[in-house]
N, C-alpha and C. Protein backbone atom coordinates (compact mmCIF):
# COMPACT_ATOMS: atom_id res chain seq x y z
N UNK A 1 -108.40 -48.05 63.71
CA UNK A 1 -108.96 -46.68 64.08
C UNK A 1 -110.04 -46.32 63.06
N UNK A 2 -110.89 -45.23 63.53
CA UNK A 2 -112.01 -44.73 62.71
C UNK A 2 -111.17 -43.66 61.89
N UNK A 3 -111.84 -43.99 60.75
CA UNK A 3 -111.40 -42.95 59.67
C UNK A 3 -111.42 -41.33 60.03
N UNK A 4 -112.62 -41.10 60.74
CA UNK A 4 -112.99 -39.50 60.85
C UNK A 4 -111.86 -39.08 61.97
N UNK A 5 -111.67 -37.87 61.10
CA UNK A 5 -110.53 -36.99 62.11
C UNK A 5 -111.20 -36.53 63.49
N UNK A 6 -110.03 -36.90 64.46
CA UNK A 6 -110.64 -36.40 65.98
C UNK A 6 -111.12 -37.83 66.66
N UNK A 7 -111.55 -38.83 66.03
CA UNK A 7 -112.09 -40.06 66.65
C UNK A 7 -111.00 -40.90 66.76
N UNK A 8 -111.07 -41.13 67.79
CA UNK A 8 -110.03 -42.46 68.32
C UNK A 8 -110.50 -43.58 68.85
N UNK A 9 -111.72 -44.02 68.12
CA UNK A 9 -112.37 -45.23 68.73
C UNK A 9 -112.17 -46.15 67.65
N UNK A 10 -112.31 -47.45 68.08
CA UNK A 10 -111.91 -48.67 67.37
C UNK A 10 -112.88 -49.13 66.33
N UNK A 11 -112.44 -49.61 65.23
CA UNK A 11 -113.59 -50.08 64.15
C UNK A 11 -113.94 -51.63 64.67
N UNK A 12 -115.02 -51.91 64.77
CA UNK A 12 -115.22 -53.43 65.14
C UNK A 12 -116.10 -54.08 63.98
N UNK A 13 -116.06 -54.97 63.69
CA UNK A 13 -116.72 -55.82 62.52
C UNK A 13 -115.73 -56.42 61.64
N UNK A 14 -116.31 -57.47 60.73
CA UNK A 14 -115.27 -58.14 60.17
C UNK A 14 -115.46 -57.65 58.23
N UNK A 15 -116.45 -56.80 58.27
CA UNK A 15 -116.46 -56.06 56.92
C UNK A 15 -115.51 -54.83 56.47
N UNK A 16 -115.60 -54.33 55.72
CA UNK A 16 -114.53 -53.09 55.08
C UNK A 16 -114.85 -51.72 55.82
N UNK A 17 -115.46 -51.70 57.11
CA UNK A 17 -115.98 -50.30 57.45
C UNK A 17 -114.66 -49.61 57.70
N UNK A 18 -114.51 -48.39 57.55
CA UNK A 18 -113.60 -47.58 58.13
C UNK A 18 -114.12 -46.81 59.36
N UNK A 19 -115.17 -46.72 59.50
CA UNK A 19 -115.48 -45.82 60.45
C UNK A 19 -116.03 -46.49 61.61
N UNK A 20 -116.10 -45.99 62.73
CA UNK A 20 -116.27 -46.90 64.06
C UNK A 20 -117.93 -47.01 64.17
N UNK A 21 -118.50 -46.33 63.36
CA UNK A 21 -120.08 -46.41 63.42
C UNK A 21 -120.74 -45.58 62.59
N UNK A 22 -122.25 -45.44 62.55
CA UNK A 22 -122.97 -44.87 61.48
C UNK A 22 -122.72 -43.00 61.48
N UNK A 23 -122.45 -42.75 62.76
CA UNK A 23 -122.55 -41.30 62.78
C UNK A 23 -121.09 -40.75 62.49
N UNK A 24 -120.01 -41.51 62.66
CA UNK A 24 -118.62 -41.20 62.09
C UNK A 24 -118.62 -41.37 60.66
N UNK A 25 -119.28 -42.42 59.92
CA UNK A 25 -119.30 -42.70 58.66
C UNK A 25 -120.00 -41.45 57.77
N UNK A 26 -121.39 -41.02 58.50
CA UNK A 26 -121.97 -39.95 57.97
C UNK A 26 -121.19 -38.73 58.03
N UNK A 27 -120.36 -38.07 59.25
CA UNK A 27 -119.65 -37.13 59.32
C UNK A 27 -118.53 -37.06 58.32
N UNK A 28 -118.10 -38.24 58.10
CA UNK A 28 -116.84 -38.36 57.26
C UNK A 28 -117.38 -38.17 55.70
N UNK A 29 -118.47 -38.45 55.44
CA UNK A 29 -119.01 -38.32 54.08
C UNK A 29 -119.20 -36.71 53.89
N UNK A 30 -119.79 -36.23 55.05
CA UNK A 30 -120.21 -34.61 54.98
C UNK A 30 -118.96 -33.96 54.72
N UNK A 31 -118.00 -34.20 55.52
CA UNK A 31 -116.76 -33.64 55.31
C UNK A 31 -115.99 -33.46 53.92
N UNK A 32 -116.41 -34.84 53.36
CA UNK A 32 -115.56 -34.90 51.76
C UNK A 32 -116.51 -34.15 51.00
N UNK A 33 -117.85 -34.22 51.04
CA UNK A 33 -118.77 -33.36 50.10
C UNK A 33 -118.72 -31.87 50.47
N UNK A 34 -118.39 -31.39 51.48
CA UNK A 34 -118.12 -30.07 51.76
C UNK A 34 -116.98 -29.58 51.34
N UNK A 35 -115.88 -30.46 51.27
CA UNK A 35 -114.47 -30.01 50.71
C UNK A 35 -114.93 -30.06 49.18
N UNK A 36 -115.40 -30.66 48.55
CA UNK A 36 -115.70 -30.73 47.15
C UNK A 36 -116.46 -29.70 46.78
N UNK A 37 -117.57 -29.08 47.68
CA UNK A 37 -118.40 -28.02 47.35
C UNK A 37 -117.48 -26.57 47.62
N UNK A 38 -116.87 -26.74 48.37
CA UNK A 38 -116.06 -25.79 48.86
C UNK A 38 -114.90 -25.14 47.93
N UNK A 39 -114.40 -26.16 47.21
CA UNK A 39 -113.51 -26.09 46.37
C UNK A 39 -113.90 -25.68 45.05
N UNK A 40 -115.22 -26.23 44.61
CA UNK A 40 -115.85 -25.81 43.30
C UNK A 40 -116.46 -24.40 43.85
N UNK A 41 -116.86 -23.80 44.64
CA UNK A 41 -117.56 -22.51 44.78
C UNK A 41 -116.84 -21.61 45.42
N UNK A 42 -115.69 -21.80 46.09
CA UNK A 42 -115.27 -20.91 46.77
C UNK A 42 -115.71 -20.49 48.23
N UNK A 43 -117.08 -21.05 48.64
CA UNK A 43 -117.61 -20.76 49.68
C UNK A 43 -117.11 -21.53 50.78
N UNK A 44 -116.76 -21.01 51.99
CA UNK A 44 -115.93 -21.52 52.90
C UNK A 44 -117.06 -21.89 53.80
N UNK A 45 -118.28 -21.09 53.98
CA UNK A 45 -119.23 -21.39 54.90
C UNK A 45 -119.38 -22.84 55.29
N UNK A 46 -119.81 -23.45 54.03
CA UNK A 46 -120.03 -24.88 54.39
C UNK A 46 -119.08 -25.78 54.89
N UNK A 47 -117.88 -25.55 54.59
CA UNK A 47 -116.41 -26.17 55.16
C UNK A 47 -116.38 -25.92 56.78
N UNK A 48 -116.70 -24.78 57.21
CA UNK A 48 -116.77 -24.45 58.35
C UNK A 48 -117.88 -24.95 59.19
N UNK A 49 -119.14 -25.18 58.63
CA UNK A 49 -120.09 -25.69 59.21
C UNK A 49 -119.72 -27.22 59.47
N UNK A 50 -119.10 -28.04 58.44
CA UNK A 50 -118.92 -29.39 58.45
C UNK A 50 -117.60 -29.45 59.66
N UNK A 51 -116.83 -28.50 59.57
CA UNK A 51 -115.55 -28.72 60.79
C UNK A 51 -116.40 -28.73 61.96
N UNK A 52 -117.41 -27.78 62.35
CA UNK A 52 -118.07 -27.57 63.54
C UNK A 52 -118.76 -28.96 63.95
N UNK A 53 -119.44 -29.48 62.96
CA UNK A 53 -120.05 -30.63 63.14
C UNK A 53 -119.44 -31.91 63.61
N UNK A 54 -118.44 -31.78 62.87
CA UNK A 54 -117.09 -32.98 63.26
C UNK A 54 -116.53 -32.63 64.71
N UNK A 55 -116.22 -31.44 65.08
CA UNK A 55 -115.48 -31.07 66.52
C UNK A 55 -116.93 -31.44 67.42
N UNK A 56 -118.03 -31.23 67.15
CA UNK A 56 -119.07 -31.34 68.08
C UNK A 56 -119.22 -32.93 68.33
N UNK A 57 -119.28 -33.72 67.59
CA UNK A 57 -119.26 -35.09 67.74
C UNK A 57 -118.19 -35.66 68.50
N UNK A 58 -116.95 -35.10 68.09
CA UNK A 58 -115.85 -35.46 68.95
C UNK A 58 -115.95 -35.25 70.20
N UNK A 59 -116.40 -33.81 70.59
CA UNK A 59 -116.86 -33.43 72.09
C UNK A 59 -117.72 -34.17 72.73
N UNK A 60 -118.67 -34.47 72.10
CA UNK A 60 -119.89 -35.50 72.60
C UNK A 60 -119.17 -36.58 72.93
N UNK A 61 -118.35 -37.36 72.24
CA UNK A 61 -117.89 -38.62 72.74
C UNK A 61 -116.86 -38.52 73.42
N UNK A 62 -116.04 -37.29 73.80
CA UNK A 62 -115.30 -37.15 74.87
C UNK A 62 -116.06 -37.14 76.05
N UNK A 63 -117.01 -36.41 76.24
CA UNK A 63 -117.79 -36.47 77.34
C UNK A 63 -118.39 -37.53 77.83
N UNK A 64 -118.93 -38.09 76.70
CA UNK A 64 -119.43 -39.43 76.96
C UNK A 64 -118.57 -40.63 77.69
N UNK A 65 -117.42 -40.61 77.15
CA UNK A 65 -116.14 -41.54 77.41
C UNK A 65 -115.68 -41.10 78.92
N UNK A 66 -115.72 -39.72 79.37
CA UNK A 66 -115.37 -39.16 80.59
C UNK A 66 -116.51 -39.74 81.80
N UNK A 67 -117.67 -39.56 81.13
CA UNK A 67 -118.82 -39.89 82.35
C UNK A 67 -118.96 -41.31 82.58
N UNK A 68 -118.49 -42.34 81.48
CA UNK A 68 -118.51 -43.76 81.70
C UNK A 68 -117.36 -44.14 82.58
N UNK A 69 -116.45 -43.41 82.51
CA UNK A 69 -115.08 -43.73 83.37
C UNK A 69 -115.48 -43.43 84.69
N UNK A 70 -116.01 -42.17 84.86
CA UNK A 70 -116.49 -41.69 86.22
C UNK A 70 -117.30 -42.57 86.99
N UNK A 71 -118.14 -43.12 85.93
CA UNK A 71 -119.31 -44.14 86.82
C UNK A 71 -118.75 -45.22 87.34
N UNK A 72 -117.65 -46.04 86.39
CA UNK A 72 -117.00 -47.08 86.74
C UNK A 72 -116.20 -46.76 88.10
N UNK A 73 -115.80 -45.62 88.07
CA UNK A 73 -114.65 -45.42 89.15
C UNK A 73 -115.63 -45.48 90.38
N UNK A 74 -116.68 -44.98 90.42
CA UNK A 74 -117.49 -45.14 91.71
C UNK A 74 -118.31 -46.35 91.94
N UNK A 75 -118.37 -47.39 91.28
CA UNK A 75 -118.81 -48.58 91.50
C UNK A 75 -119.66 -48.89 90.32
N UNK A 76 -120.32 -48.25 89.53
CA UNK A 76 -121.02 -48.60 88.37
C UNK A 76 -120.44 -49.83 87.82
N UNK A 77 -121.41 -50.96 87.20
CA UNK A 77 -120.81 -51.76 86.54
C UNK A 77 -121.17 -51.56 85.13
N UNK A 78 -120.52 -52.13 83.94
CA UNK A 78 -120.79 -52.15 82.62
C UNK A 78 -122.12 -52.09 82.35
N UNK A 79 -122.80 -53.32 83.23
CA UNK A 79 -124.48 -53.27 82.87
C UNK A 79 -125.12 -52.23 83.21
N UNK A 80 -124.92 -51.82 84.51
CA UNK A 80 -125.57 -50.81 84.89
C UNK A 80 -125.60 -49.43 84.02
N UNK A 81 -124.56 -48.98 83.75
CA UNK A 81 -124.23 -47.83 82.82
C UNK A 81 -124.90 -48.19 81.58
N UNK A 82 -124.84 -49.45 80.65
CA UNK A 82 -125.73 -49.59 79.64
C UNK A 82 -127.16 -49.26 79.84
N UNK A 83 -127.53 -49.80 81.13
CA UNK A 83 -129.20 -49.55 81.19
C UNK A 83 -129.24 -48.29 81.46
N UNK A 84 -128.53 -47.21 82.16
CA UNK A 84 -128.98 -46.07 82.20
C UNK A 84 -128.97 -45.21 80.96
N UNK A 85 -128.07 -45.58 80.28
CA UNK A 85 -128.16 -45.19 78.64
C UNK A 85 -129.22 -45.60 78.01
N UNK A 86 -129.50 -46.58 78.04
CA UNK A 86 -130.85 -47.11 77.16
C UNK A 86 -132.08 -46.98 78.08
N UNK A 87 -132.39 -46.11 79.26
CA UNK A 87 -133.46 -45.88 79.81
C UNK A 87 -134.25 -46.83 80.65
N UNK A 88 -133.41 -48.24 81.15
CA UNK A 88 -134.09 -49.14 81.56
C UNK A 88 -133.82 -48.91 82.89
């Protein structure tokens, strides 16, 4: 599973990746950085912003999965859904 809190997607690939993709990897690094800065400065605004960013990505992935499942349930194929997402 992906290392990013809130993400339940599978990590694919043969390398040592811990995140499911570039966005989750980026957000995870930002969360770690925000935590260090917050601890060093005592300013919690950066931590709150990082948490909001993390939560927004989780919400986006949840909506995307819901729409994908809804499309499949009404007869779309995986290939048709992929074409819609890519603009084909």
